[in-house]
Amino acid sequence: MHELNLFNQRNFFKLNSLILLLILLFSITACNDSEDKSGEASIDYFVFQPELNNGLDEAIIGKITDFNINLSVPYKVSLNQLVATFNYVGVKVEVKNTEQVSGVTANDYSNPVIINVIAANGESTQYTVTVTKNKPRIPQVYINTEGNFEFKDEDKENYVNSTIRIEDLDNYYTTDTEFKSEGEIKGRGNSTWWEVAKKPYRIRLEKKNSLLGMSNDRNWALLANHFDKTLLRNITAFEISRIAEMRWTPQSVSVDYYMNGTYRGVYTLTEHVRVSDERLNLDLVSSDDNSGEALTGDYFLELDFHYDEPYKFKTSKMNLPIMFKDPDEPTPNQFDYVQNFFNTAESVLYSENFKDAAEGYRKYIDVESFINYYIVHELTKNVDGNFRGSCHMALRKNGKIELPMVWDFDLAFGNADYITWEQGATSSDWDGWYIKTQSPWFDQLFKDPTFVAEVKARWNELKPQLDGVPGFIRSHADELNEAQARNFSPKPQGAGWSITHIEWNTSKIRGSYQNEVNYLVSFVEKRIQWLDENINKL
């Protein structure tokens, strides 16, 4: 019995010791937990709520990775005064020593913001908040024709009464979200109208207006760019034209086009070729200007193989098709003056004495404009740029033949296989001369060492800016990423155009929009390099 009591006592003491040990361990753990919490400082939730921030349609939740918080907001949202709602562990949150209140304090997020979370023990944790803007959505153009009229091929020249509405959803181009106007619409173009279903159009507004920040005018064009699967060749060429400082470069914007409620795809809304104060500024002759100095200009002309204007002639030596654009009905005296001037200029250019500084070709042509035109078309390797088509000329008062602008590049940048077998180019890709060797007038101009030296100088002057064109293409392709997907998606959600359909102009299909863009970028990069090497060898 005594031994049993002794056993019980020993077990009792062991049990008590175990309990005391457990209590001690618990106490130590509790103390450690308390110490850890006093040093904690973190953010576990960071969001921009729509009810607290103008321009938001939904909550923008920050992605927290390590000590970085990243958010992306719609383009139209201002970053200057954004209010964040957040949850944190610690005693307070500060930005530049200013305490932050969740859902109340506004900050400028134009640049990354450093947020300090202060723990109970005074220690802090820093988070870097970076807010970026989404790419702006491209504008939407809605045109409803009277009676929902749908154009057939034979309706090209018939204007149809229409209502025009343009939405700049992100106010990227204007401060006005919406533009409305009465007006009319008709077809335009040649092969681009007759040979494909995605047709280009000409718009004439009821009165002059500035569309999407462009010039104030009634006349506009919607380019379909159906042969160009990047949808970017015209816009890219216009950028090169601006770099080359042509007298006038049409402004243009990529848009989603809807006609009679049906999505037709990505188009380019551009300034229509027009003589006006805000576009191509020329002092045109009037019907009364038939003698003396007044007869000498200005005239606006087009060289084009379609040869489809009522007043036109072909030059006597090289048979260049010249058509009157403005005035569209020249008087007999005006017609004769222009025709004689061109024939004389051409005859002198191909004469033995053509290099003479006073009496040679420089007496008749504006050399600077010819050089700028040359660089644009040689770089783009535009199939029509060899004085074949869409070449606009001006005959200036008491002056010379000028090349003031460029137009129509959907078949440029390696997008026309027939440039070799029809136009004589050595390659349809980025290498080889084209305008220099295969264009009337330019083939002769390059026989003048002075002209060659001027081309070299101008090329080297422009080269640093031209090197930025590939970046321009990538940026605009990025902006078109969502829109191009709609353009090349099946109906009814998309426009129904195919990225892999082979068109008549080229057999080269690259399988995806990104591959098409990559080729365009590569073409420009390699073309610039090739021209830089070879122009400087002349």
Protein backbone atom coordinates (compact mmCIF):
# COMPACT_ATOMS: atom_id res chain seq x y z
CA MET A 1 0.00 0.00 0.00
CA HIS A 2 2.86 2.35 0.86
CA GLU A 3 4.55 1.49 -2.41
CA LEU A 4 1.35 2.29 -4.28
CA ASN A 5 1.06 5.72 -2.67
CA LEU A 6 4.66 6.40 -3.47
CA PHE A 7 4.00 5.48 -7.10
CA ASN A 8 1.01 7.79 -7.25
CA GLN A 9 2.96 10.65 -5.74
CA ARG A 10 5.76 10.23 -8.26
CA ASN A 11 3.29 10.24 -11.14
CA PHE A 12 1.57 13.29 -9.70
CA PHE A 13 4.84 15.19 -9.61
CA LYS A 14 5.65 14.10 -13.17
CA LEU A 15 2.22 15.25 -14.37
CA ASN A 16 2.57 18.57 -12.65
CA SER A 17 5.99 19.05 -14.14
CA LEU A 18 4.65 18.30 -17.60
CA ILE A 19 1.82 20.75 -17.14
CA LEU A 20 4.19 23.45 -15.94
CA LEU A 21 6.42 22.80 -18.95
CA LEU A 22 3.51 23.12 -21.36
CA ILE A 23 2.39 26.33 -19.68
CA LEU A 24 5.89 27.70 -19.98
CA LEU A 25 6.13 26.76 -23.65
CA PHE A 26 2.74 28.32 -24.37
CA SER A 27 3.80 31.49 -22.61
CA ILE A 28 6.99 31.69 -24.65
CA THR A 29 5.11 31.09 -27.90
CA ALA A 30 2.54 33.72 -26.98
CA CYS A 31 5.30 36.20 -26.26
CA ASN A 32 6.93 35.43 -29.61
CA ASP A 33 3.58 35.87 -31.44
CA SER A 34 3.12 39.24 -29.81
CA GLU A 35 6.62 40.33 -30.86
CA ASP A 36 6.03 39.21 -34.48
CA LYS A 37 2.80 41.19 -34.78
CA SER A 38 4.43 44.32 -33.48
CA GLY A 39 6.82 44.22 -36.43
CA GLU A 40 4.32 43.38 -39.13
CA ALA A 41 3.69 45.93 -41.92
CA SER A 42 2.04 44.85 -45.15
CA ILE A 43 -0.66 45.61 -47.73
CA ASP A 44 -2.93 42.76 -48.79
CA TYR A 45 -5.52 44.68 -50.84
CA PHE A 46 -5.22 47.75 -53.13
CA VAL A 47 -7.96 48.86 -55.52
CA PHE A 48 -9.38 51.87 -57.40
CA GLN A 49 -13.16 51.88 -56.97
CA PRO A 50 -15.35 53.40 -59.74
CA GLU A 51 -17.48 55.38 -57.28
CA LEU A 52 -14.34 57.20 -56.06
CA ASN A 53 -12.57 57.76 -59.40
CA ASN A 54 -13.88 59.49 -62.53
CA GLY A 55 -13.73 57.52 -65.75
CA LEU A 56 -13.82 54.06 -64.18
CA ASP A 57 -16.65 51.72 -65.08
CA GLU A 58 -15.41 48.90 -62.85
CA ALA A 59 -13.02 48.32 -59.96
CA ILE A 60 -9.32 48.12 -60.88
CA ILE A 61 -7.63 45.66 -58.52
CA GLY A 62 -3.92 45.96 -57.96
CA LYS A 63 -1.67 42.97 -58.55
CA ILE A 64 0.63 42.65 -55.53
CA THR A 65 3.91 40.87 -56.25
CA ASP A 66 6.59 41.00 -53.55
CA PHE A 67 6.70 44.72 -52.78
CA ASN A 68 5.27 45.98 -56.08
CA ILE A 69 1.64 46.89 -56.78
CA ASN A 70 0.67 47.20 -60.47
CA LEU A 71 -2.61 48.51 -61.89
CA SER A 72 -3.77 49.33 -65.43
CA VAL A 73 -6.59 51.84 -65.97
CA PRO A 74 -8.55 52.92 -69.08
CA TYR A 75 -6.76 55.47 -71.24
CA LYS A 76 -9.24 58.28 -70.56
CA VAL A 77 -8.70 58.11 -66.77
CA SER A 78 -6.55 60.90 -65.36
CA LEU A 79 -3.70 59.70 -63.12
CA ASN A 80 -3.41 62.98 -61.25
CA GLN A 81 -6.00 62.45 -58.48
CA LEU A 82 -6.71 58.76 -57.94
CA VAL A 83 -8.16 57.52 -54.65
CA ALA A 84 -7.14 54.04 -53.54
CA THR A 85 -9.03 51.72 -51.23
CA PHE A 86 -6.66 49.42 -49.36
CA ASN A 87 -6.29 47.03 -46.44
CA TYR A 88 -3.10 46.75 -44.43
CA VAL A 89 -1.39 45.29 -41.36
CA GLY A 90 0.37 47.88 -39.23
CA VAL A 91 -0.49 51.11 -37.52
CA LYS A 92 -0.56 53.54 -40.47
CA VAL A 93 0.26 54.08 -44.14
CA GLU A 94 2.20 57.08 -45.48
CA VAL A 95 3.18 58.62 -48.80
CA LYS A 96 5.93 61.23 -48.48
CA ASN A 97 5.20 61.51 -44.72
CA THR A 98 1.50 62.16 -45.41
CA GLU A 99 -0.80 59.67 -43.74
CA GLN A 100 -3.10 57.83 -46.14
CA VAL A 101 -6.75 57.11 -45.43
CA SER A 102 -8.29 54.26 -47.39
CA GLY A 103 -11.00 55.49 -49.75
CA VAL A 104 -10.23 59.15 -48.98
CA THR A 105 -6.67 60.25 -49.79
CA ALA A 106 -5.92 61.12 -53.43
CA ASN A 107 -2.47 60.85 -55.00
CA ASP A 108 -0.82 61.63 -58.31
CA TYR A 109 0.07 58.30 -59.94
CA SER A 110 1.58 59.79 -63.11
CA ASN A 111 4.85 58.37 -61.82
CA PRO A 112 5.41 55.38 -59.49
CA VAL A 113 4.36 56.13 -55.90
CA ILE A 114 6.25 54.82 -52.85
CA ILE A 115 3.95 53.72 -50.02
CA ASN A 116 5.32 53.20 -46.51
CA VAL A 117 3.46 50.85 -44.19
CA ILE A 118 4.48 51.54 -40.58
CA ALA A 119 4.51 48.68 -38.06
CA ALA A 120 3.70 48.96 -34.33
CA ASN A 121 7.39 48.80 -33.44
CA GLY A 122 8.23 51.66 -35.81
CA GLU A 123 9.66 49.54 -38.58
CA SER A 124 8.27 50.02 -42.11
CA THR A 125 7.74 48.19 -45.37
CA GLN A 126 7.87 50.00 -48.73
CA TYR A 127 5.63 49.23 -51.69
CA THR A 128 6.00 50.73 -55.16
CA VAL A 129 2.66 51.43 -56.85
CA THR A 130 2.86 51.67 -60.65
CA VAL A 131 -0.23 52.72 -62.61
CA THR A 132 -0.25 52.46 -66.41
CA LYS A 133 -2.85 53.42 -68.97
CA ASN A 134 -4.37 50.95 -71.38
CA LYS A 135 -3.92 51.72 -75.07
CA PRO A 136 -6.70 54.02 -76.28
CA ARG A 137 -9.55 52.37 -78.12
CA ILE A 138 -9.67 53.38 -81.75
CA PRO A 139 -12.56 55.69 -82.70
CA GLN A 140 -15.83 54.33 -84.05
CA VAL A 141 -17.34 55.67 -87.29
CA TYR A 142 -21.05 54.99 -87.85
CA ILE A 143 -22.62 55.87 -91.21
CA ASN A 144 -26.27 55.19 -91.95
CA THR A 145 -27.34 55.70 -95.55
CA GLU A 146 -30.77 56.92 -96.54
CA GLY A 147 -33.06 53.90 -96.81
CA ASN A 148 -30.16 51.67 -95.68
CA PHE A 149 -28.79 51.88 -99.21
CA GLU A 150 -26.07 49.28 -99.89
CA PHE A 151 -23.50 50.12 -102.57
CA LYS A 152 -22.98 47.88 -105.57
CA ASP A 153 -20.05 48.24 -107.95
CA GLU A 154 -22.05 50.35 -110.38
CA ASP A 155 -22.99 52.83 -107.62
CA LYS A 156 -19.45 54.08 -107.09
CA GLU A 157 -19.99 57.64 -108.35
CA ASN A 158 -23.41 58.17 -106.77
CA TYR A 159 -23.49 60.21 -103.57
CA VAL A 160 -26.07 58.91 -101.07
CA ASN A 161 -27.52 61.03 -98.27
CA SER A 162 -26.30 59.78 -94.92
CA THR A 163 -25.92 60.50 -91.23
CA ILE A 164 -22.39 60.36 -89.87
CA ARG A 165 -21.52 59.76 -86.23
CA ILE A 166 -17.99 59.43 -84.81
CA GLU A 167 -17.18 58.33 -81.27
CA ASP A 168 -13.79 58.98 -79.71
CA LEU A 169 -14.42 56.71 -76.74
CA ASP A 170 -11.28 57.62 -74.82
CA ASN A 171 -11.04 61.27 -75.91
CA TYR A 172 -7.68 60.44 -77.42
CA TYR A 173 -8.03 62.77 -80.41
CA THR A 174 -10.60 65.28 -79.19
CA THR A 175 -12.25 66.51 -76.03
CA ASP A 176 -15.64 65.65 -77.54
CA THR A 177 -16.66 62.04 -77.15
CA GLU A 178 -19.16 62.21 -80.03
CA PHE A 179 -19.53 64.02 -83.37
CA LYS A 180 -22.73 63.99 -85.45
CA SER A 181 -23.44 65.41 -88.89
CA GLU A 182 -25.60 65.04 -91.94
CA GLY A 183 -23.74 64.42 -95.16
CA GLU A 184 -23.31 62.06 -98.06
CA ILE A 185 -21.14 59.14 -99.04
CA LYS A 186 -19.99 57.53 -102.29
CA GLY A 187 -17.42 55.01 -103.49
CA ARG A 188 -13.80 55.86 -104.35
CA GLY A 189 -10.65 54.21 -105.70
CA ASN A 190 -9.99 52.00 -108.70
CA SER A 191 -8.75 48.45 -108.04
CA THR A 192 -9.64 48.94 -104.38
CA TRP A 193 -13.28 49.49 -105.41
CA TRP A 194 -13.80 47.12 -108.30
CA GLU A 195 -11.90 44.04 -107.15
CA VAL A 196 -12.77 43.50 -103.47
CA ALA A 197 -15.79 43.44 -101.17
CA LYS A 198 -14.22 45.67 -98.50
CA LYS A 199 -14.69 48.93 -100.35
CA PRO A 200 -13.30 52.42 -99.73
CA TYR A 201 -15.53 55.49 -99.54
CA ARG A 202 -15.53 59.24 -99.83
CA ILE A 203 -17.46 61.30 -97.30
CA ARG A 204 -18.78 64.82 -97.78
CA LEU A 205 -20.11 66.50 -94.65
CA GLU A 206 -22.98 68.97 -94.62
CA LYS A 207 -20.52 71.67 -93.57
CA LYS A 208 -16.85 71.96 -92.70
CA ASN A 209 -15.75 70.22 -89.53
CA SER A 210 -12.56 69.04 -87.91
CA LEU A 211 -12.77 65.28 -87.45
CA LEU A 212 -10.69 63.69 -84.67
CA GLY A 213 -8.39 66.69 -84.47
CA MET A 214 -7.65 66.85 -88.19
CA SER A 215 -8.18 69.78 -90.56
CA ASN A 216 -11.44 71.69 -90.94
CA ASP A 217 -13.07 70.51 -94.16
CA ARG A 218 -16.13 68.84 -95.70
CA ASN A 219 -14.26 66.18 -97.67
CA TRP A 220 -12.89 62.97 -96.17
CA ALA A 221 -11.92 59.47 -97.24
CA LEU A 222 -12.34 56.05 -95.66
CA LEU A 223 -9.53 53.78 -96.90
CA ALA A 224 -10.28 50.07 -96.64
CA ASN A 225 -6.66 48.82 -96.79
CA HIS A 226 -7.97 45.43 -97.88
CA PHE A 227 -4.78 44.44 -99.72
CA ASP A 228 -2.69 45.39 -96.70
CA LYS A 229 -3.07 42.83 -93.91
CA THR A 230 -1.17 45.03 -91.44
CA LEU A 231 -3.73 47.83 -91.99
CA LEU A 232 -0.76 50.14 -91.43
CA ARG A 233 1.03 50.76 -94.73
CA ASN A 234 -0.70 54.04 -95.60
CA ILE A 235 -0.31 55.44 -92.08
CA THR A 236 3.37 54.41 -92.02
CA ALA A 237 4.07 56.03 -95.40
CA PHE A 238 2.40 59.24 -94.21
CA GLU A 239 4.72 59.23 -91.20
CA ILE A 240 7.72 58.94 -93.55
CA SER A 241 6.24 61.79 -95.61
CA ARG A 242 6.08 63.96 -92.48
CA ILE A 243 9.69 63.14 -91.69
CA ALA A 244 10.66 64.08 -95.26
CA GLU A 245 8.78 67.38 -94.85
CA MET A 246 6.62 67.13 -97.93
CA ARG A 247 4.61 70.28 -98.50
CA TRP A 248 1.48 68.50 -97.27
CA THR A 249 0.89 65.13 -95.65
CA PRO A 250 -2.69 63.92 -95.13
CA GLN A 251 -3.59 63.35 -91.49
CA SER A 252 -5.21 60.00 -90.82
CA VAL A 253 -6.66 57.89 -88.00
CA SER A 254 -7.43 54.15 -87.80
CA VAL A 255 -11.14 53.60 -87.02
CA ASP A 256 -13.71 50.84 -86.61
CA TYR A 257 -16.27 51.40 -89.37
CA TYR A 258 -19.97 50.53 -89.11
CA MET A 259 -22.31 50.97 -92.07
CA ASN A 260 -26.06 50.66 -91.58
CA GLY A 261 -25.49 48.93 -88.26
CA THR A 262 -23.07 46.32 -89.63
CA TYR A 263 -19.42 46.22 -88.64
CA ARG A 264 -17.28 46.54 -91.79
CA GLY A 265 -13.80 46.38 -90.24
CA VAL A 266 -10.80 48.59 -89.56
CA TYR A 267 -10.53 51.54 -91.96
CA THR A 268 -8.32 54.60 -92.17
CA LEU A 269 -10.21 57.88 -91.88
CA THR A 270 -8.04 60.39 -93.70
CA GLU A 271 -8.10 63.86 -95.14
CA HIS A 272 -9.21 63.67 -98.75
CA VAL A 273 -6.74 65.06 -101.27
CA ARG A 274 -7.87 68.63 -101.65
CA VAL A 275 -6.51 72.10 -102.31
CA SER A 276 -7.44 74.29 -99.35
CA ASP A 277 -5.89 76.57 -96.77
CA GLU A 278 -5.67 73.75 -94.21
CA ARG A 279 -4.57 71.03 -96.62
CA LEU A 280 -2.61 71.51 -99.81
CA ASN A 281 -2.32 75.27 -99.91
CA LEU A 282 -2.10 76.45 -103.53
CA ASP A 283 -3.17 79.73 -105.14
CA LEU A 284 -5.14 78.18 -107.98
CA VAL A 285 -5.83 79.94 -111.25
CA SER A 286 -9.37 81.05 -111.96
CA SER A 287 -11.25 80.87 -115.25
CA ASP A 288 -10.28 84.53 -115.84
CA ASP A 289 -6.53 83.85 -115.64
CA ASN A 290 -5.74 83.40 -119.32
CA SER A 291 -2.74 85.56 -120.07
CA GLY A 292 0.43 87.03 -118.65
CA GLU A 293 1.61 86.16 -115.15
CA ALA A 294 -1.86 85.05 -114.03
CA LEU A 295 -1.79 82.24 -116.60
CA THR A 296 1.30 80.67 -115.02
CA GLY A 297 -0.36 79.11 -111.99
CA ASP A 298 -0.98 77.56 -109.60
CA TYR A 299 -2.25 74.27 -111.10
CA PHE A 300 -2.89 70.98 -109.31
CA LEU A 301 -2.33 67.89 -111.47
CA GLU A 302 -2.22 64.11 -111.16
CA LEU A 303 -0.05 61.62 -113.00
CA ASP A 304 -1.93 58.31 -113.16
CA PHE A 305 -2.08 55.42 -115.62
CA HIS A 306 -5.87 55.18 -115.21
CA TYR A 307 -6.02 58.39 -117.23
CA ASP A 308 -9.68 58.88 -116.32
CA GLU A 309 -10.14 62.64 -115.95
CA PRO A 310 -11.81 64.64 -118.75
CA TYR A 311 -8.92 67.10 -119.19
CA LYS A 312 -5.63 65.32 -119.74
CA PHE A 313 -2.58 64.90 -121.97
CA LYS A 314 0.50 62.70 -122.32
CA THR A 315 3.99 64.14 -122.44
CA SER A 316 5.66 64.08 -125.83
CA LYS A 317 8.79 62.06 -124.99
CA MET A 318 8.04 59.75 -122.03
CA ASN A 319 4.28 59.52 -122.57
CA LEU A 320 3.49 60.41 -118.95
CA PRO A 321 -0.31 60.61 -118.34
CA ILE A 322 -1.02 64.05 -116.83
CA MET A 323 -4.54 64.97 -115.68
CA PHE A 324 -6.02 68.24 -114.44
CA LYS A 325 -7.42 68.12 -110.88
CA ASP A 326 -7.68 71.87 -110.10
CA PRO A 327 -8.94 73.59 -112.09
CA ASP A 328 -10.95 70.55 -113.21
CA GLU A 329 -12.11 72.45 -116.31
CA PRO A 330 -9.15 74.50 -117.53
CA THR A 331 -9.62 77.06 -120.26
CA PRO A 332 -7.94 76.33 -123.62
CA ASN A 333 -5.15 78.81 -122.79
CA GLN A 334 -4.56 77.17 -119.42
CA PHE A 335 -4.52 73.68 -120.91
CA ASP A 336 -2.02 74.68 -123.59
CA TYR A 337 0.23 76.47 -121.09
CA VAL A 338 0.48 73.45 -118.78
CA GLN A 339 0.99 70.96 -121.62
CA ASN A 340 3.69 73.08 -123.23
CA PHE A 341 5.46 73.61 -119.90
CA PHE A 342 5.62 69.86 -119.20
CA ASN A 343 6.80 69.01 -122.71
CA THR A 344 9.49 71.66 -122.54
CA ALA A 345 10.65 70.52 -119.12
CA GLU A 346 10.82 66.90 -120.25
CA SER A 347 12.66 67.79 -123.45
CA VAL A 348 15.26 69.79 -121.52
CA LEU A 349 15.67 67.02 -118.92
CA TYR A 350 16.59 64.52 -121.62
CA SER A 351 18.78 66.93 -123.60
CA GLU A 352 22.57 66.88 -123.72
CA ASN A 353 22.73 70.11 -121.72
CA PHE A 354 20.30 68.93 -118.98
CA LYS A 355 22.83 69.44 -116.14
CA ASP A 356 23.27 73.17 -116.82
CA ALA A 357 22.44 75.04 -113.61
CA ALA A 358 20.70 77.93 -115.36
CA GLU A 359 19.14 76.47 -118.50
CA GLY A 360 18.90 72.76 -117.63
CA TYR A 361 16.19 70.84 -115.76
CA ARG A 362 16.55 72.99 -112.62
CA LYS A 363 14.83 75.80 -114.48
CA TYR A 364 11.68 73.69 -114.66
CA ILE A 365 11.44 71.43 -111.61
CA ASP A 366 11.54 72.02 -107.87
CA VAL A 367 14.54 69.82 -107.05
CA GLU A 368 14.01 69.78 -103.28
CA SER A 369 10.46 68.40 -103.62
CA PHE A 370 11.66 65.78 -106.11
CA ILE A 371 14.34 64.58 -103.68
CA ASN A 372 11.87 64.32 -100.79
CA TYR A 373 9.42 62.46 -103.02
CA TYR A 374 12.22 60.15 -104.13
CA ILE A 375 13.24 59.22 -100.58
CA VAL A 376 9.65 58.46 -99.53
CA HIS A 377 8.96 56.24 -102.53
CA GLU A 378 12.35 54.53 -102.68
CA LEU A 379 12.20 53.68 -98.97
CA THR A 380 8.63 52.37 -99.19
CA LYS A 381 9.31 50.76 -102.59
CA ASN A 382 5.84 51.84 -103.61
CA VAL A 383 4.84 49.99 -106.76
CA ASP A 384 3.01 53.07 -108.10
CA GLY A 385 5.72 55.51 -107.08
CA ASN A 386 7.69 55.27 -110.34
CA PHE A 387 5.44 57.87 -111.99
CA ARG A 388 2.87 55.14 -112.60
CA GLY A 389 -0.09 56.27 -110.54
CA SER A 390 -1.41 58.40 -107.69
CA CYS A 391 1.38 60.92 -108.27
CA HIS A 392 0.23 64.46 -107.50
CA MET A 393 2.00 67.44 -109.02
CA ALA A 394 1.72 71.19 -108.80
CA LEU A 395 2.78 73.73 -111.40
CA ARG A 396 3.53 76.82 -109.37
CA LYS A 397 2.96 80.40 -110.46
CA ASN A 398 5.97 81.74 -112.37
CA GLY A 399 7.66 78.68 -111.06
CA LYS A 400 8.37 75.04 -111.47
CA ILE A 401 6.89 71.56 -111.37
CA GLU A 402 6.61 70.50 -107.74
CA LEU A 403 5.86 67.13 -106.08
CA PRO A 404 4.04 68.43 -103.00
CA MET A 405 2.55 65.26 -101.47
CA VAL A 406 2.30 61.47 -101.59
CA TRP A 407 -0.69 59.11 -101.65
CA ASP A 408 -1.73 55.44 -101.89
CA PHE A 409 0.67 52.98 -100.25
CA ASP A 410 -1.38 49.84 -99.60
CA LEU A 411 0.76 48.01 -102.20
CA ALA A 412 4.09 49.35 -100.89
CA PHE A 413 6.62 47.81 -98.48
CA GLY A 414 6.97 44.47 -100.28
CA ASN A 415 3.23 44.02 -100.84
CA ALA A 416 3.20 43.75 -104.66
CA ASP A 417 4.76 40.71 -106.35
CA TYR A 418 4.25 42.24 -109.79
CA ILE A 419 6.73 45.01 -109.07
CA THR A 420 9.34 42.72 -110.67
CA TRP A 421 7.69 41.30 -113.78
CA GLU A 422 5.52 44.35 -114.59
CA GLN A 423 7.56 47.29 -113.28
CA GLY A 424 11.08 45.96 -113.75
CA ALA A 425 12.28 45.97 -110.15
CA THR A 426 15.09 43.54 -109.38
CA SER A 427 13.36 42.38 -106.19
CA SER A 428 9.90 42.58 -104.64
CA ASP A 429 11.49 42.56 -101.17
CA TRP A 430 13.55 45.14 -99.26
CA ASP A 431 16.66 45.07 -101.44
CA GLY A 432 17.45 46.67 -104.78
CA TRP A 433 16.80 50.01 -106.45
CA TYR A 434 13.38 50.88 -107.79
CA ILE A 435 12.58 54.56 -108.32
CA LYS A 436 16.20 55.36 -109.21
CA THR A 437 16.28 52.96 -112.14
CA GLN A 438 12.63 52.28 -113.04
CA SER A 439 11.06 55.73 -113.00
CA PRO A 440 10.92 58.18 -115.89
CA TRP A 441 12.64 61.48 -115.11
CA PHE A 442 14.38 60.06 -112.04
CA ASP A 443 16.46 57.73 -114.21
CA GLN A 444 17.82 60.86 -115.90
CA LEU A 445 18.13 62.98 -112.75
CA PHE A 446 20.49 60.41 -111.24
CA LYS A 447 22.88 60.97 -114.15
CA ASP A 448 23.62 64.41 -112.68
CA PRO A 449 26.37 64.21 -110.00
CA THR A 450 25.02 67.36 -108.33
CA PHE A 451 21.57 65.79 -107.94
CA VAL A 452 23.16 62.61 -106.55
CA ALA A 453 25.14 64.64 -104.00
CA GLU A 454 21.95 66.42 -102.92
CA VAL A 455 20.13 63.08 -102.49
CA LYS A 456 23.02 61.79 -100.33
CA ALA A 457 22.96 64.91 -98.15
CA ARG A 458 19.20 64.81 -97.70
CA TRP A 459 19.19 61.08 -96.93
CA ASN A 460 21.83 61.47 -94.24
CA GLU A 461 19.94 64.42 -92.78
CA LEU A 462 16.73 62.37 -92.51
CA LYS A 463 18.27 59.01 -91.56
CA PRO A 464 18.20 59.48 -87.74
CA GLN A 465 14.45 60.20 -87.84
CA LEU A 466 13.75 57.41 -90.31
CA ASP A 467 15.34 54.97 -87.87
CA GLY A 468 12.33 55.60 -85.61
CA VAL A 469 9.78 54.31 -88.15
CA PRO A 470 9.92 50.64 -87.01
CA GLY A 471 9.00 51.80 -83.50
CA PHE A 472 6.15 53.83 -84.99
CA ILE A 473 4.83 50.68 -86.68
CA ARG A 474 5.06 48.56 -83.52
CA SER A 475 3.27 51.21 -81.46
CA HIS A 476 0.39 51.55 -83.91
CA ALA A 477 0.10 47.79 -84.32
CA ASP A 478 -0.23 47.53 -80.55
CA GLU A 479 -3.02 50.10 -80.59
CA LEU A 480 -4.79 48.06 -83.28
CA ASN A 481 -4.43 44.75 -81.47
CA GLU A 482 -8.06 44.42 -80.40
CA ALA A 483 -9.50 46.06 -83.51
CA GLN A 484 -7.53 43.93 -85.97
CA ALA A 485 -8.82 40.81 -84.21
CA ARG A 486 -12.37 41.98 -84.93
CA ASN A 487 -11.47 42.86 -88.52
CA PHE A 488 -10.10 39.37 -89.18
CA SER A 489 -12.74 37.44 -87.20
CA PRO A 490 -15.76 35.67 -88.73
CA LYS A 491 -19.15 37.34 -88.78
CA PRO A 492 -21.29 38.24 -86.90
CA GLN A 493 -18.89 39.25 -84.10
CA GLY A 494 -16.17 40.26 -86.55
CA ALA A 495 -16.05 41.81 -90.02
CA GLY A 496 -15.35 38.50 -91.72
CA TRP A 497 -12.09 39.41 -93.50
CA SER A 498 -9.38 36.77 -93.62
CA ILE A 499 -5.75 37.20 -92.55
CA THR A 500 -4.78 34.14 -94.60
CA HIS A 501 -6.72 34.78 -97.81
CA ILE A 502 -4.42 35.25 -100.81
CA GLU A 503 -5.12 38.49 -102.70
CA TRP A 504 -4.11 39.24 -106.28
CA ASN A 505 -1.28 41.58 -105.30
CA THR A 506 0.90 39.01 -103.50
CA SER A 507 1.11 35.29 -102.83
CA LYS A 508 3.01 35.83 -99.59
CA ILE A 509 0.77 34.95 -96.64
CA ARG A 510 2.34 34.94 -93.20
CA GLY A 511 -0.40 33.27 -91.18
CA SER A 512 -1.15 35.83 -88.47
CA TYR A 513 -1.50 39.54 -87.90
CA GLN A 514 1.63 39.64 -85.77
CA ASN A 515 3.64 37.92 -88.48
CA GLU A 516 2.40 40.47 -91.02
CA VAL A 517 3.46 43.31 -88.73
CA ASN A 518 6.82 41.65 -88.09
CA TYR A 519 7.44 41.50 -91.83
CA LEU A 520 6.57 45.19 -92.27
CA VAL A 521 8.93 46.16 -89.44
CA SER A 522 11.68 43.94 -90.84
CA PHE A 523 11.18 45.35 -94.35
CA VAL A 524 11.61 48.92 -93.13
CA GLU A 525 14.64 48.10 -90.97
CA LYS A 526 16.41 46.22 -93.76
CA ARG A 527 15.37 48.72 -96.43
CA ILE A 528 16.81 51.63 -94.44
CA GLN A 529 20.05 49.71 -93.93
CA TRP A 530 20.29 48.78 -97.62
CA LEU A 531 19.58 52.33 -98.79
CA ASP A 532 22.00 53.83 -96.29
CA GLU A 533 24.80 51.65 -97.60
CA ASN A 534 23.99 52.07 -101.26
CA ILE A 535 23.01 55.74 -101.40
CA ASN A 536 26.29 56.64 -99.75
CA LYS A 537 28.16 54.56 -102.35
CA LEU A 538 26.74 56.57 -105.26
